Amino acid sequence: MINTQTKTLICSDVVSVYLQTTCSGNISVSEYQSLILMEPSADQPEQKLIQHLKSRILKGSIRLRAVA
């Protein structure tokens, strides 16, 4: 999911993060920031998933969580 050395997501992991986030109802701030940074280089289906997550976060149905 997250490359712990660079703290960035690999484009093929967008679906995995999307599914995990949708099921759990939350996403870490670092995962969210990585998704936002990679959105311009993601393919169109991945961009739609990222946009959907952003929309659900704004509506409050998915929460951002800080990682200790």
Protein backbone atom coordinates (compact mmCIF):
# COMPACT_ATOMS: atom_id res chain seq x y z
CA MET A 1 0.00 0.00 0.00
CA ILE A 2 2.43 2.73 1.13
CA ASN A 3 6.11 2.57 0.39
CA THR A 4 7.46 3.24 3.88
CA GLN A 5 10.76 4.61 2.59
CA THR A 6 9.31 7.30 0.34
CA LYS A 7 5.82 7.62 1.88
CA THR A 8 4.26 7.72 -1.57
CA LEU A 9 1.69 5.50 -3.17
CA ILE A 10 2.32 3.52 -6.30
CA CYS A 11 -0.31 4.18 -8.94
CA SER A 12 -1.48 0.54 -8.98
CA ASP A 13 -2.31 0.84 -5.27
CA VAL A 14 -5.11 3.37 -5.74
CA VAL A 15 -7.73 0.63 -5.96
CA SER A 16 -6.38 -1.06 -2.84
CA VAL A 17 -6.42 2.20 -0.86
CA TYR A 18 -9.89 3.01 -2.18
CA LEU A 19 -11.29 -0.35 -1.08
CA GLN A 20 -9.61 -0.22 2.32
CA THR A 21 -10.79 3.34 2.91
CA THR A 22 -14.34 2.61 1.80
CA CYS A 23 -14.57 -0.43 4.08
CA SER A 24 -12.95 1.18 7.13
CA GLY A 25 -14.49 4.63 6.77
CA ASN A 26 -11.18 6.41 7.36
CA ILE A 27 -7.88 7.20 5.67
CA SER A 28 -4.61 8.43 7.12
CA VAL A 29 -3.54 11.96 6.34
CA SER A 30 -0.34 10.68 4.72
CA GLU A 31 -2.25 8.27 2.45
CA TYR A 32 -4.65 11.04 1.50
CA GLN A 33 -1.83 13.46 0.70
CA SER A 34 -0.12 10.81 -1.42
CA LEU A 35 -3.33 10.21 -3.37
CA ILE A 36 -3.71 13.94 -4.02
CA LEU A 37 -0.12 14.23 -5.25
CA MET A 38 -0.44 11.32 -7.63
CA GLU A 39 -3.87 12.23 -8.99
CA PRO A 40 -2.55 14.15 -12.04
CA SER A 41 -0.44 11.17 -13.18
CA ALA A 42 -3.07 8.50 -12.44
CA ASP A 43 -5.12 6.99 -15.25
CA GLN A 44 -8.74 8.06 -15.67
CA PRO A 45 -10.38 5.27 -13.61
CA GLU A 46 -7.93 5.89 -10.75
CA GLN A 47 -8.60 9.64 -10.93
CA LYS A 48 -12.32 8.92 -10.57
CA LEU A 49 -11.67 6.80 -7.48
CA ILE A 50 -9.53 9.56 -5.96
CA GLN A 51 -12.20 12.16 -6.75
CA HIS A 52 -14.86 9.96 -5.15
CA LEU A 53 -12.79 9.62 -1.96
CA LYS A 54 -12.24 13.39 -1.86
CA SER A 55 -15.99 13.90 -2.20
CA ARG A 56 -16.79 11.45 0.61
CA ILE A 57 -14.21 13.11 2.88
CA LEU A 58 -15.80 16.52 2.26
CA LYS A 59 -19.25 15.06 3.04
CA GLY A 60 -17.91 13.50 6.23
CA SER A 61 -18.66 9.88 5.39
CA ILE A 62 -14.91 9.13 5.42
CA ARG A 63 -12.68 10.57 8.13
CA LEU A 64 -9.05 11.63 7.96
CA ARG A 65 -6.96 10.16 10.77
CA ALA A 66 -3.54 11.16 12.01
CA VAL A 67 -0.94 8.41 12.29
CA ALA A 68 1.06 8.42 15.49
